[in-house]
Full PDB file with SEQRES, HELIX, SHEET, SSBOND, CRYST1, ORIGX, SCALE, CONECT and MASTER records, all heavy atoms in Angstrom:
SEQRES   1 A   43  ASP SER ASN GLU ASN ALA ILE SER THR LEU HIS THR ARG          
SEQRES   2 A   43  PHE LYS ASP PHE LEU ILE GLU ASN ILE VAL ARG GLY GLU          
SEQRES   3 A   43  SER LEU TYR SER ILE THR ILE PRO LYS LEU ASP PHE ALA          
SEQRES   4 A   43  GLU GLY ASN TYR                                              
HELIX    1 AA1 THR A   12  LYS A   15  5                                   4    
CRYST1    1.000    1.000    1.000  90.00  90.00  90.00 P 1           1          
ORIGX1      1.000000  0.000000  0.000000        0.00000                         
ORIGX2      0.000000  1.000000  0.000000        0.00000                         
ORIGX3      0.000000  0.000000  1.000000        0.00000                         
SCALE1      1.000000  0.000000  0.000000        0.00000                         
SCALE2      0.000000  1.000000  0.000000        0.00000                         
SCALE3      0.000000  0.000000  1.000000        0.00000                         
ATOM      1  N   ASP A   1     -40.800  36.039  -1.393  1.00  0.00           N  
ATOM      2  CA  ASP A   1     -40.622  37.037  -2.439  1.00  0.00           C  
ATOM      3  C   ASP A   1     -41.949  37.301  -3.132  1.00  0.00           C  
ATOM      4  O   ASP A   1     -42.992  36.761  -2.739  1.00  0.00           O  
ATOM      5  CB  ASP A   1     -39.544  36.598  -3.439  1.00  0.00           C  
ATOM      6  CG  ASP A   1     -39.935  35.364  -4.259  1.00  0.00           C  
ATOM      7  OD1 ASP A   1     -41.090  34.883  -4.144  1.00  0.00           O  
ATOM      8  OD2 ASP A   1     -39.074  34.866  -5.025  1.00  0.00           O  
ATOM      9  N   SER A   2     -41.935  38.122  -4.169  1.00  0.00           N  
ATOM     10  CA  SER A   2     -43.174  38.518  -4.839  1.00  0.00           C  
ATOM     11  C   SER A   2     -43.824  37.390  -5.612  1.00  0.00           C  
ATOM     12  O   SER A   2     -44.982  37.503  -6.019  1.00  0.00           O  
ATOM     13  CB  SER A   2     -42.911  39.694  -5.790  1.00  0.00           C  
ATOM     14  OG  SER A   2     -41.923  39.373  -6.752  1.00  0.00           O  
ATOM     15  N   ASN A   3     -43.097  36.278  -5.821  1.00  0.00           N  
ATOM     16  CA  ASN A   3     -43.673  35.107  -6.471  1.00  0.00           C  
ATOM     17  C   ASN A   3     -44.114  34.057  -5.468  1.00  0.00           C  
ATOM     18  O   ASN A   3     -44.393  32.921  -5.826  1.00  0.00           O  
ATOM     19  CB  ASN A   3     -42.673  34.490  -7.452  1.00  0.00           C  
ATOM     20  CG  ASN A   3     -42.462  35.349  -8.667  1.00  0.00           C  
ATOM     21  OD1 ASN A   3     -43.387  35.959  -9.166  1.00  0.00           O  
ATOM     22  ND2 ASN A   3     -41.233  35.412  -9.138  1.00  0.00           N  
ATOM     23  N   GLU A   4     -44.143  34.457  -4.194  1.00  0.00           N  
ATOM     24  CA  GLU A   4     -44.593  33.609  -3.099  1.00  0.00           C  
ATOM     25  C   GLU A   4     -43.678  32.422  -2.848  1.00  0.00           C  
ATOM     26  O   GLU A   4     -44.093  31.375  -2.362  1.00  0.00           O  
ATOM     27  CB  GLU A   4     -46.046  33.163  -3.317  1.00  0.00           C  
ATOM     28  CG  GLU A   4     -47.012  34.333  -3.462  1.00  0.00           C  
ATOM     29  CD  GLU A   4     -48.464  33.927  -3.606  1.00  0.00           C  
ATOM     30  OE1 GLU A   4     -48.730  32.721  -3.695  1.00  0.00           O  
ATOM     31  OE2 GLU A   4     -49.339  34.804  -3.625  1.00  0.00           O  
ATOM     32  N   ASN A   5     -42.384  32.595  -3.193  1.00  0.00           N  
ATOM     33  CA  ASN A   5     -41.373  31.600  -2.860  1.00  0.00           C  
ATOM     34  C   ASN A   5     -40.740  31.956  -1.517  1.00  0.00           C  
ATOM     35  O   ASN A   5     -40.406  33.116  -1.274  1.00  0.00           O  
ATOM     36  CB  ASN A   5     -40.283  31.556  -3.934  1.00  0.00           C  
ATOM     37  CG  ASN A   5     -40.811  31.171  -5.289  1.00  0.00           C  
ATOM     38  OD1 ASN A   5     -41.518  30.181  -5.434  1.00  0.00           O  
ATOM     39  ND2 ASN A   5     -40.479  31.957  -6.317  1.00  0.00           N  
ATOM     40  N   ALA A   6     -40.616  30.968  -0.631  1.00  0.00           N  
ATOM     41  CA  ALA A   6     -39.992  31.209   0.667  1.00  0.00           C  
ATOM     42  C   ALA A   6     -38.506  31.503   0.481  1.00  0.00           C  
ATOM     43  O   ALA A   6     -37.784  30.745  -0.166  1.00  0.00           O  
ATOM     44  CB  ALA A   6     -40.190  30.012   1.581  1.00  0.00           C  
ATOM     45  N   ILE A   7     -38.050  32.620   1.041  1.00  0.00           N  
ATOM     46  CA  ILE A   7     -36.657  33.042   0.902  1.00  0.00           C  
ATOM     47  C   ILE A   7     -35.849  32.714   2.149  1.00  0.00           C  
ATOM     48  O   ILE A   7     -34.721  32.259   2.078  1.00  0.00           O  
ATOM     49  CB  ILE A   7     -36.572  34.552   0.603  1.00  0.00           C  
ATOM     50  CG1 ILE A   7     -37.347  34.888  -0.656  1.00  0.00           C  
ATOM     51  CG2 ILE A   7     -35.119  35.010   0.476  1.00  0.00           C  
ATOM     52  CD1 ILE A   7     -36.847  34.154  -1.882  1.00  0.00           C  
ATOM     53  N   SER A   8     -36.450  32.955   3.323  1.00  0.00           N  
ATOM     54  CA  SER A   8     -35.716  32.713   4.558  1.00  0.00           C  
ATOM     55  C   SER A   8     -36.700  32.540   5.708  1.00  0.00           C  
ATOM     56  O   SER A   8     -37.833  33.024   5.656  1.00  0.00           O  
ATOM     57  CB  SER A   8     -34.759  33.869   4.856  1.00  0.00           C  
ATOM     58  OG  SER A   8     -33.966  33.599   5.990  1.00  0.00           O  
ATOM     59  N   THR A   9     -36.249  31.830   6.754  1.00  0.00           N  
ATOM     60  CA  THR A   9     -37.046  31.626   7.956  1.00  0.00           C  
ATOM     61  C   THR A   9     -36.253  32.112   9.170  1.00  0.00           C  
ATOM     62  O   THR A   9     -35.086  31.749   9.339  1.00  0.00           O  
ATOM     63  CB  THR A   9     -37.418  30.142   8.141  1.00  0.00           C  
ATOM     64  OG1 THR A   9     -38.221  29.710   7.030  1.00  0.00           O  
ATOM     65  CG2 THR A   9     -38.213  29.946   9.426  1.00  0.00           C  
ATOM     66  N   LEU A  10     -36.888  32.926   9.999  1.00  0.00           N  
ATOM     67  CA  LEU A  10     -36.301  33.404  11.250  1.00  0.00           C  
ATOM     68  C   LEU A  10     -37.082  32.756  12.395  1.00  0.00           C  
ATOM     69  O   LEU A  10     -38.294  32.901  12.481  1.00  0.00           O  
ATOM     70  CB  LEU A  10     -36.379  34.931  11.342  1.00  0.00           C  
ATOM     71  CG  LEU A  10     -35.900  35.722  10.108  1.00  0.00           C  
ATOM     72  CD1 LEU A  10     -36.061  37.213  10.347  1.00  0.00           C  
ATOM     73  CD2 LEU A  10     -34.452  35.395   9.776  1.00  0.00           C  
ATOM     74  N   HIS A  11     -36.390  32.042  13.263  1.00  0.00           N  
ATOM     75  CA  HIS A  11     -37.036  31.253  14.312  1.00  0.00           C  
ATOM     76  C   HIS A  11     -36.297  31.491  15.631  1.00  0.00           C  
ATOM     77  O   HIS A  11     -35.059  31.481  15.649  1.00  0.00           O  
ATOM     78  CB  HIS A  11     -36.982  29.767  13.932  1.00  0.00           C  
ATOM     79  CG  HIS A  11     -37.956  28.885  14.625  1.00  0.00           C  
ATOM     80  ND1 HIS A  11     -38.113  28.856  16.006  1.00  0.00           N  
ATOM     81  CD2 HIS A  11     -38.836  27.959  14.146  1.00  0.00           C  
ATOM     82  CE1 HIS A  11     -39.032  27.971  16.339  1.00  0.00           C  
ATOM     83  NE2 HIS A  11     -39.494  27.418  15.230  1.00  0.00           N  
ATOM     84  N   THR A  12     -37.055  31.728  16.678  1.00  0.00           N  
ATOM     85  CA  THR A  12     -36.417  31.904  17.977  1.00  0.00           C  
ATOM     86  C   THR A  12     -35.563  30.702  18.345  1.00  0.00           C  
ATOM     87  O   THR A  12     -34.515  30.829  18.989  1.00  0.00           O  
ATOM     88  CB  THR A  12     -37.477  32.146  19.068  1.00  0.00           C  
ATOM     89  OG1 THR A  12     -38.523  31.148  18.949  1.00  0.00           O  
ATOM     90  CG2 THR A  12     -38.102  33.530  18.931  1.00  0.00           C  
ATOM     91  N   ARG A  13     -35.998  29.501  17.923  1.00  0.00           N  
ATOM     92  CA  ARG A  13     -35.252  28.276  18.238  1.00  0.00           C  
ATOM     93  C   ARG A  13     -33.867  28.277  17.597  1.00  0.00           C  
ATOM     94  O   ARG A  13     -32.908  27.749  18.165  1.00  0.00           O  
ATOM     95  CB  ARG A  13     -36.050  27.061  17.773  1.00  0.00           C  
ATOM     96  CG  ARG A  13     -35.350  25.735  17.937  1.00  0.00           C  
ATOM     97  CD  ARG A  13     -36.297  24.584  17.663  1.00  0.00           C  
ATOM     98  NE  ARG A  13     -36.852  24.605  16.327  1.00  0.00           N  
ATOM     99  CZ  ARG A  13     -36.263  24.066  15.263  1.00  0.00           C  
ATOM    100  NH1 ARG A  13     -35.087  23.466  15.377  1.00  0.00           N  
ATOM    101  NH2 ARG A  13     -36.853  24.114  14.075  1.00  0.00           N  
ATOM    102  N   PHE A  14     -33.745  28.890  16.381  1.00  0.00           N  
ATOM    103  CA  PHE A  14     -32.454  28.903  15.699  1.00  0.00           C  
ATOM    104  C   PHE A  14     -31.387  29.619  16.518  1.00  0.00           C  
ATOM    105  O   PHE A  14     -30.200  29.314  16.411  1.00  0.00           O  
ATOM    106  CB  PHE A  14     -32.586  29.584  14.331  1.00  0.00           C  
ATOM    107  CG  PHE A  14     -33.471  28.861  13.354  1.00  0.00           C  
ATOM    108  CD1 PHE A  14     -33.916  29.495  12.195  1.00  0.00           C  
ATOM    109  CD2 PHE A  14     -33.854  27.554  13.574  1.00  0.00           C  
ATOM    110  CE1 PHE A  14     -34.716  28.839  11.291  1.00  0.00           C  
ATOM    111  CE2 PHE A  14     -34.674  26.883  12.665  1.00  0.00           C  
ATOM    112  CZ  PHE A  14     -35.107  27.534  11.525  1.00  0.00           C  
ATOM    113  N   LYS A  15     -31.799  30.597  17.318  1.00  0.00           N  
ATOM    114  CA  LYS A  15     -30.862  31.406  18.106  1.00  0.00           C  
ATOM    115  C   LYS A  15     -30.951  31.106  19.603  1.00  0.00           C  
ATOM    116  O   LYS A  15     -30.443  31.867  20.425  1.00  0.00           O  
ATOM    117  CB  LYS A  15     -31.120  32.895  17.870  1.00  0.00           C  
ATOM    118  CG  LYS A  15     -31.038  33.319  16.407  1.00  0.00           C  
ATOM    119  CD  LYS A  15     -29.633  33.165  15.852  1.00  0.00           C  
ATOM    120  CE  LYS A  15     -28.674  34.166  16.438  1.00  0.00           C  
ATOM    121  NZ  LYS A  15     -27.345  34.117  15.820  1.00  0.00           N  
ATOM    122  N   ASP A  16     -31.580  29.982  19.945  1.00  0.00           N  
ATOM    123  CA  ASP A  16     -31.750  29.587  21.358  1.00  0.00           C  
ATOM    124  C   ASP A  16     -32.418  30.684  22.183  1.00  0.00           C  
ATOM    125  O   ASP A  16     -32.102  30.897  23.349  1.00  0.00           O  
ATOM    126  CB  ASP A  16     -30.406  29.213  21.982  1.00  0.00           C  
ATOM    127  CG  ASP A  16     -29.871  27.894  21.454  1.00  0.00           C  
ATOM    128  OD1 ASP A  16     -30.691  27.012  21.114  1.00  0.00           O  
ATOM    129  OD2 ASP A  16     -28.635  27.742  21.385  1.00  0.00           O  
ATOM    130  N   PHE A  17     -33.376  31.377  21.554  1.00  0.00           N  
ATOM    131  CA  PHE A  17     -34.092  32.448  22.248  1.00  0.00           C  
ATOM    132  C   PHE A  17     -35.484  31.946  22.625  1.00  0.00           C  
ATOM    133  O   PHE A  17     -36.479  32.325  22.031  1.00  0.00           O  
ATOM    134  CB  PHE A  17     -34.175  33.695  21.365  1.00  0.00           C  
ATOM    135  CG  PHE A  17     -34.796  34.885  22.050  1.00  0.00           C  
ATOM    136  CD1 PHE A  17     -34.071  35.625  22.968  1.00  0.00           C  
ATOM    137  CD2 PHE A  17     -36.102  35.266  21.780  1.00  0.00           C  
ATOM    138  CE1 PHE A  17     -34.641  36.722  23.605  1.00  0.00           C  
ATOM    139  CE2 PHE A  17     -36.677  36.356  22.399  1.00  0.00           C  
ATOM    140  CZ  PHE A  17     -35.954  37.084  23.316  1.00  0.00           C  
ATOM    141  N   LEU A  18     -35.527  31.059  23.603  1.00  0.00           N  
ATOM    142  CA  LEU A  18     -36.802  30.530  24.067  1.00  0.00           C  
ATOM    143  C   LEU A  18     -37.428  31.481  25.086  1.00  0.00           C  
ATOM    144  O   LEU A  18     -36.767  31.884  26.046  1.00  0.00           O  
ATOM    145  CB  LEU A  18     -36.625  29.148  24.688  1.00  0.00           C  
ATOM    146  CG  LEU A  18     -37.871  28.513  25.306  1.00  0.00           C  
ATOM    147  CD1 LEU A  18     -38.904  28.194  24.221  1.00  0.00           C  
ATOM    148  CD2 LEU A  18     -37.505  27.258  26.086  1.00  0.00           C  
ATOM    149  N   ILE A  19     -38.668  31.856  24.849  1.00  0.00           N  
ATOM    150  CA  ILE A  19     -39.412  32.662  25.810  1.00  0.00           C  
ATOM    151  C   ILE A  19     -40.066  31.680  26.781  1.00  0.00           C  
ATOM    152  O   ILE A  19     -41.105  31.085  26.486  1.00  0.00           O  
ATOM    153  CB  ILE A  19     -40.459  33.530  25.103  1.00  0.00           C  
ATOM    154  CG1 ILE A  19     -39.797  34.361  23.987  1.00  0.00           C  
ATOM    155  CG2 ILE A  19     -41.160  34.448  26.105  1.00  0.00           C  
ATOM    156  CD1 ILE A  19     -40.781  35.053  23.079  1.00  0.00           C  
ATOM    157  N   GLU A  20     -39.450  31.493  27.933  1.00  0.00           N  
ATOM    158  CA  GLU A  20     -39.914  30.454  28.849  1.00  0.00           C  
ATOM    159  C   GLU A  20     -41.297  30.761  29.411  1.00  0.00           C  
ATOM    160  O   GLU A  20     -42.120  29.853  29.568  1.00  0.00           O  
ATOM    161  CB  GLU A  20     -38.906  30.277  29.984  1.00  0.00           C  
ATOM    162  CG  GLU A  20     -37.558  29.732  29.510  1.00  0.00           C  
ATOM    163  CD  GLU A  20     -36.604  29.472  30.646  1.00  0.00           C  
ATOM    164  OE1 GLU A  20     -36.976  29.756  31.805  1.00  0.00           O  
ATOM    165  OE2 GLU A  20     -35.492  28.967  30.407  1.00  0.00           O  
ATOM    166  N   ASN A  21     -41.549  32.023  29.733  1.00  0.00           N  
ATOM    167  CA  ASN A  21     -42.852  32.405  30.265  1.00  0.00           C  
ATOM    168  C   ASN A  21     -43.270  33.749  29.681  1.00  0.00           C  
ATOM    169  O   ASN A  21     -42.432  34.622  29.436  1.00  0.00           O  
ATOM    170  CB  ASN A  21     -42.817  32.516  31.794  1.00  0.00           C  
ATOM    171  CG  ASN A  21     -42.576  31.167  32.448  1.00  0.00           C  
ATOM    172  OD1 ASN A  21     -43.458  30.329  32.518  1.00  0.00           O  
ATOM    173  ND2 ASN A  21     -41.339  30.966  32.927  1.00  0.00           N  
ATOM    174  N   ILE A  22     -44.561  33.891  29.456  1.00  0.00           N  
ATOM    175  CA  ILE A  22     -45.089  35.150  28.950  1.00  0.00           C  
ATOM    176  C   ILE A  22     -46.319  35.517  29.776  1.00  0.00           C  
ATOM    177  O   ILE A  22     -47.153  34.656  30.101  1.00  0.00           O  
ATOM    178  CB  ILE A  22     -45.432  35.042  27.444  1.00  0.00           C  
ATOM    179  CG1 ILE A  22     -45.644  36.407  26.829  1.00  0.00           C  
ATOM    180  CG2 ILE A  22     -46.607  34.116  27.180  1.00  0.00           C  
ATOM    181  CD1 ILE A  22     -45.630  36.390  25.304  1.00  0.00           C  
ATOM    182  N   VAL A  23     -46.408  36.786  30.151  1.00  0.00           N  
ATOM    183  CA  VAL A  23     -47.484  37.232  31.036  1.00  0.00           C  
ATOM    184  C   VAL A  23     -48.520  38.026  30.252  1.00  0.00           C  
ATOM    185  O   VAL A  23     -48.273  38.464  29.128  1.00  0.00           O  
ATOM    186  CB  VAL A  23     -46.931  38.089  32.188  1.00  0.00           C  
ATOM    187  CG1 VAL A  23     -45.969  37.261  33.044  1.00  0.00           C  
ATOM    188  CG2 VAL A  23     -46.202  39.320  31.650  1.00  0.00           C  
ATOM    189  N   ARG A  24     -49.672  38.199  30.862  1.00  0.00           N  
ATOM    190  CA  ARG A  24     -50.761  38.933  30.218  1.00  0.00           C  
ATOM    191  C   ARG A  24     -50.345  40.375  29.903  1.00  0.00           C  
ATOM    192  O   ARG A  24     -49.520  40.971  30.595  1.00  0.00           O  
ATOM    193  CB  ARG A  24     -51.997  38.952  31.110  1.00  0.00           C  
ATOM    194  CG  ARG A  24     -52.630  37.574  31.345  1.00  0.00           C  
ATOM    195  CD  ARG A  24     -53.756  37.678  32.357  1.00  0.00           C  
ATOM    196  NE  ARG A  24     -54.319  36.396  32.679  1.00  0.00           N  
ATOM    197  CZ  ARG A  24     -55.430  35.907  32.149  1.00  0.00           C  
ATOM    198  NH1 ARG A  24     -56.098  36.629  31.263  1.00  0.00           N  
ATOM    199  NH2 ARG A  24     -55.889  34.705  32.489  1.00  0.00           N  
ATOM    200  N   GLY A  25     -50.941  40.906  28.854  1.00  0.00           N  
ATOM    201  CA  GLY A  25     -50.649  42.276  28.449  1.00  0.00           C  
ATOM    202  C   GLY A  25     -49.912  42.304  27.121  1.00  0.00           C  
ATOM    203  O   GLY A  25     -49.866  41.317  26.385  1.00  0.00           O  
ATOM    204  N   GLU A  26     -49.317  43.439  26.806  1.00  0.00           N  
ATOM    205  CA  GLU A  26     -48.602  43.602  25.554  1.00  0.00           C  
ATOM    206  C   GLU A  26     -47.099  43.428  25.755  1.00  0.00           C  
ATOM    207  O   GLU A  26     -46.534  43.888  26.743  1.00  0.00           O  
ATOM    208  CB  GLU A  26     -48.907  44.970  24.941  1.00  0.00           C  
ATOM    209  CG  GLU A  26     -50.360  45.122  24.487  1.00  0.00           C  
ATOM    210  CD  GLU A  26     -50.612  46.396  23.708  1.00  0.00           C  
ATOM    211  OE1 GLU A  26     -49.628  47.131  23.438  1.00  0.00           O  
ATOM    212  OE2 GLU A  26     -51.782  46.650  23.353  1.00  0.00           O  
ATOM    213  N   SER A  27     -46.462  42.777  24.788  1.00  0.00           N  
ATOM    214  CA  SER A  27     -45.021  42.549  24.822  1.00  0.00           C  
ATOM    215  C   SER A  27     -44.425  42.948  23.477  1.00  0.00           C  
ATOM    216  O   SER A  27     -45.019  42.696  22.425  1.00  0.00           O  
ATOM    217  CB  SER A  27     -44.700  41.081  25.120  1.00  0.00           C  
ATOM    218  OG  SER A  27     -45.241  40.670  26.365  1.00  0.00           O  
ATOM    219  N   LEU A  28     -43.254  43.558  23.508  1.00  0.00           N  
ATOM    220  CA  LEU A  28     -42.568  44.001  22.301  1.00  0.00           C  
ATOM    221  C   LEU A  28     -41.290  43.200  22.112  1.00  0.00           C  
ATOM    222  O   LEU A  28     -40.469  43.092  23.027  1.00  0.00           O  
ATOM    223  CB  LEU A  28     -42.251  45.493  22.371  1.00  0.00           C  
ATOM    224  CG  LEU A  28     -41.460  46.092  21.186  1.00  0.00           C  
ATOM    225  CD1 LEU A  28     -42.299  46.032  19.905  1.00  0.00           C  
ATOM    226  CD2 LEU A  28     -41.039  47.520  21.484  1.00  0.00           C  
ATOM    227  N   TYR A  29     -41.091  42.647  20.904  1.00  0.00           N  
ATOM    228  CA  TYR A  29     -39.886  41.894  20.573  1.00  0.00           C  
ATOM    229  C   TYR A  29     -39.266  42.465  19.298  1.00  0.00           C  
ATOM    230  O   TYR A  29     -39.973  42.958  18.414  1.00  0.00           O  
ATOM    231  CB  TYR A  29     -40.192  40.409  20.383  1.00  0.00           C  
ATOM    232  CG  TYR A  29     -40.658  39.735  21.653  1.00  0.00           C  
ATOM    233  CD1 TYR A  29     -42.015  39.680  21.957  1.00  0.00           C  
ATOM    234  CD2 TYR A  29     -39.765  39.163  22.534  1.00  0.00           C  
ATOM    235  CE1 TYR A  29     -42.459  39.075  23.127  1.00  0.00           C  
ATOM    236  CE2 TYR A  29     -40.193  38.547  23.701  1.00  0.00           C  
ATOM    237  CZ  TYR A  29     -41.534  38.512  23.994  1.00  0.00           C  
ATOM    238  OH  TYR A  29     -41.966  37.917  25.161  1.00  0.00           O  
ATOM    239  N   SER A  30     -37.962  42.411  19.215  1.00  0.00           N  
ATOM    240  CA  SER A  30     -37.256  42.909  18.045  1.00  0.00           C  
ATOM    241  C   SER A  30     -36.399  41.813  17.432  1.00  0.00           C  
ATOM    242  O   SER A  30     -35.848  40.970  18.138  1.00  0.00           O  
ATOM    243  CB  SER A  30     -36.387  44.120  18.399  1.00  0.00           C  
ATOM    244  OG  SER A  30     -35.320  43.743  19.261  1.00  0.00           O  
ATOM    245  N   ILE A  31     -36.293  41.833  16.117  1.00  0.00           N  
ATOM    246  CA  ILE A  31     -35.408  40.928  15.386  1.00  0.00           C  
ATOM    247  C   ILE A  31     -34.493  41.795  14.547  1.00  0.00           C  
ATOM    248  O   ILE A  31     -34.957  42.519  13.639  1.00  0.00           O  
ATOM    249  CB  ILE A  31     -36.194  39.964  14.472  1.00  0.00           C  
ATOM    250  CG1 ILE A  31     -37.243  39.195  15.281  1.00  0.00           C  
ATOM    251  CG2 ILE A  31     -35.252  39.008  13.793  1.00  0.00           C  
ATOM    252  CD1 ILE A  31     -38.641  39.793  15.168  1.00  0.00           C  
ATOM    253  N   THR A  32     -33.216  41.768  14.824  1.00  0.00           N  
ATOM    254  CA  THR A  32     -32.246  42.591  14.116  1.00  0.00           C  
ATOM    255  C   THR A  32     -31.567  41.774  13.022  1.00  0.00           C  
ATOM    256  O   THR A  32     -31.055  40.685  13.277  1.00  0.00           O  
ATOM    257  CB  THR A  32     -31.195  43.155  15.075  1.00  0.00           C  
ATOM    258  OG1 THR A  32     -31.836  43.962  16.067  1.00  0.00           O  
ATOM    259  CG2 THR A  32     -30.186  44.009  14.320  1.00  0.00           C  
ATOM    260  N   ILE A  33     -31.570  42.310  11.829  1.00  0.00           N  
ATOM    261  CA  ILE A  33     -30.864  41.700  10.701  1.00  0.00           C  
ATOM    262  C   ILE A  33     -29.695  42.628  10.370  1.00  0.00           C  
ATOM    263  O   ILE A  33     -29.893  43.727   9.852  1.00  0.00           O  
ATOM    264  CB  ILE A  33     -31.794  41.538   9.491  1.00  0.00           C  
ATOM    265  CG1 ILE A  33     -33.021  40.693   9.868  1.00  0.00           C  
ATOM    266  CG2 ILE A  33     -31.048  40.902   8.327  1.00  0.00           C  
ATOM    267  CD1 ILE A  33     -34.076  40.606   8.788  1.00  0.00           C  
ATOM    268  N   PRO A  34     -28.448  42.223  10.684  1.00  0.00           N  
ATOM    269  CA  PRO A  34     -27.301  43.128  10.512  1.00  0.00           C  
ATOM    270  C   PRO A  34     -27.098  43.602   9.080  1.00  0.00           C  
ATOM    271  O   PRO A  34     -26.700  44.745   8.848  1.00  0.00           O  
ATOM    272  CB  PRO A  34     -26.118  42.290  10.994  1.00  0.00           C  
ATOM    273  CG  PRO A  34     -26.714  41.225  11.859  1.00  0.00           C  
ATOM    274  CD  PRO A  34     -28.050  40.943  11.272  1.00  0.00           C  
ATOM    275  N   LYS A  35     -27.403  42.728   8.119  1.00  0.00           N  
ATOM    276  CA  LYS A  35     -27.210  43.075   6.717  1.00  0.00           C  
ATOM    277  C   LYS A  35     -28.225  42.303   5.879  1.00  0.00           C  
ATOM    278  O   LYS A  35     -28.137  41.081   5.781  1.00  0.00           O  
ATOM    279  CB  LYS A  35     -25.786  42.751   6.270  1.00  0.00           C  
ATOM    280  CG  LYS A  35     -25.444  43.222   4.869  1.00  0.00           C  
ATOM    281  CD  LYS A  35     -23.998  42.924   4.530  1.00  0.00           C  
ATOM    282  CE  LYS A  35     -23.628  43.448   3.148  1.00  0.00           C  
ATOM    283  NZ  LYS A  35     -22.223  43.144   2.785  1.00  0.00           N  
ATOM    284  N   LEU A  36     -29.181  43.003   5.310  1.00  0.00           N  
ATOM    285  CA  LEU A  36     -30.229  42.362   4.527  1.00  0.00           C  
ATOM    286  C   LEU A  36     -29.738  42.171   3.095  1.00  0.00           C  
ATOM    287  O   LEU A  36     -29.690  43.121   2.308  1.00  0.00           O  
ATOM    288  CB  LEU A  36     -31.511  43.197   4.547  1.00  0.00           C  
ATOM    289  CG  LEU A  36     -32.742  42.514   3.937  1.00  0.00           C  
ATOM    290  CD1 LEU A  36     -33.168  41.326   4.778  1.00  0.00           C  
ATOM    291  CD2 LEU A  36     -33.899  43.494   3.793  1.00  0.00           C  
ATOM    292  N   ASP A  37     -29.388  40.947   2.754  1.00  0.00           N  
ATOM    293  CA  ASP A  37     -28.774  40.655   1.464  1.00  0.00           C  
ATOM    294  C   ASP A  37     -29.822  40.305   0.404  1.00  0.00           C  
ATOM    295  O   ASP A  37     -29.678  39.334  -0.333  1.00  0.00           O  
ATOM    296  CB  ASP A  37     -27.768  39.508   1.602  1.00  0.00           C  
ATOM    297  CG  ASP A  37     -26.651  39.845   2.562  1.00  0.00           C  
ATOM    298  OD1 ASP A  37     -26.448  41.031   2.848  1.00  0.00           O  
ATOM    299  OD2 ASP A  37     -25.972  38.912   3.040  1.00  0.00           O  
ATOM    300  N   PHE A  38     -30.872  41.102   0.298  1.00  0.00           N  
ATOM    301  CA  PHE A  38     -31.943  40.861  -0.654  1.00  0.00           C  
ATOM    302  C   PHE A  38     -31.831  41.830  -1.825  1.00  0.00           C  
ATOM    303  O   PHE A  38     -31.445  42.994  -1.657  1.00  0.00           O  
ATOM    304  CB  PHE A  38     -33.318  41.044  -0.011  1.00  0.00           C  
ATOM    305  CG  PHE A  38     -33.724  39.948   0.937  1.00  0.00           C  
ATOM    306  CD1 PHE A  38     -32.866  38.919   1.256  1.00  0.00           C  
ATOM    307  CD2 PHE A  38     -34.980  39.938   1.514  1.00  0.00           C  
ATOM    308  CE1 PHE A  38     -33.240  37.911   2.130  1.00  0.00           C  
ATOM    309  CE2 PHE A  38     -35.370  38.949   2.387  1.00  0.00           C  
ATOM    310  CZ  PHE A  38     -34.492  37.932   2.701  1.00  0.00           C  
ATOM    311  N   ALA A  39     -32.200  41.337  -3.019  1.00  0.00           N  
ATOM    312  CA  ALA A  39     -32.297  42.210  -4.174  1.00  0.00           C  
ATOM    313  C   ALA A  39     -33.510  43.112  -4.042  1.00  0.00           C  
ATOM    314  O   ALA A  39     -34.414  42.851  -3.243  1.00  0.00           O  
ATOM    315  CB  ALA A  39     -32.389  41.378  -5.454  1.00  0.00           C  
ATOM    316  N   GLU A  40     -33.553  44.194  -4.829  1.00  0.00           N  
ATOM    317  CA  GLU A  40     -34.660  45.122  -4.732  1.00  0.00           C  
ATOM    318  C   GLU A  40     -35.966  44.443  -5.144  1.00  0.00           C  
ATOM    319  O   GLU A  40     -35.995  43.547  -5.979  1.00  0.00           O  
ATOM    320  CB  GLU A  40     -34.407  46.362  -5.587  1.00  0.00           C  
ATOM    321  CG  GLU A  40     -34.292  46.097  -7.075  1.00  0.00           C  
ATOM    322  CD  GLU A  40     -34.065  47.364  -7.866  1.00  0.00           C  
ATOM    323  OE1 GLU A  40     -33.978  48.442  -7.269  1.00  0.00           O  
ATOM    324  OE2 GLU A  40     -33.970  47.282  -9.105  1.00  0.00           O  
ATOM    325  N   GLY A  41     -37.048  44.882  -4.521  1.00  0.00           N  
ATOM    326  CA  GLY A  41     -38.350  44.299  -4.790  1.00  0.00           C  
ATOM    327  C   GLY A  41     -39.199  44.269  -3.534  1.00  0.00           C  
ATOM    328  O   GLY A  41     -38.800  44.755  -2.465  1.00  0.00           O  
ATOM    329  N   ASN A  42     -40.384  43.685  -3.649  1.00  0.00           N  
ATOM    330  CA  ASN A  42     -41.312  43.561  -2.536  1.00  0.00           C  
ATOM    331  C   ASN A  42     -41.185  42.189  -1.889  1.00  0.00           C  
ATOM    332  O   ASN A  42     -41.058  41.170  -2.575  1.00  0.00           O  
ATOM    333  CB  ASN A  42     -42.750  43.771  -3.003  1.00  0.00           C  
ATOM    334  CG  ASN A  42     -42.997  45.185  -3.489  1.00  0.00           C  
ATOM    335  OD1 ASN A  42     -42.522  46.145  -2.897  1.00  0.00           O  
ATOM    336  ND2 ASN A  42     -43.729  45.336  -4.579  1.00  0.00           N  
ATOM    337  N   TYR A  43     -41.271  42.168  -0.559  1.00  0.00           N  
ATOM    338  CA  TYR A  43     -41.188  40.928   0.201  1.00  0.00           C  
ATOM    339  C   TYR A  43     -42.292  40.902   1.249  1.00  0.00           C  
ATOM    340  O   TYR A  43     -42.777  41.952   1.692  1.00  0.00           O  
ATOM    341  CB  TYR A  43     -39.818  40.777   0.863  1.00  0.00           C  
ATOM    342  CG  TYR A  43     -38.686  40.656  -0.131  1.00  0.00           C  
ATOM    343  CD1 TYR A  43     -38.085  41.792  -0.666  1.00  0.00           C  
ATOM    344  CD2 TYR A  43     -38.234  39.415  -0.544  1.00  0.00           C  
ATOM    345  CE1 TYR A  43     -37.057  41.687  -1.590  1.00  0.00           C  
ATOM    346  CE2 TYR A  43     -37.205  39.292  -1.458  1.00  0.00           C  
ATOM    347  CZ  TYR A  43     -36.620  40.437  -1.989  1.00  0.00           C  
ATOM    348  OH  TYR A  43     -35.613  40.329  -2.909  1.00  0.00           O  
TER     349      TYR A  43                                                      
MASTER        0    0    0    1    0    0    0    6  348    1    0    4          
END                                                                             
């Protein structure tokens, strides 16, 4: 949050999304949050 307090952590390990191998070049990944339950402000 704006006071530099950690609010939440998103980790591939939490969802068993291990990237076993990655190759040279550019790769695009997405993280979908179905409902962002945050109050208004900067994060």
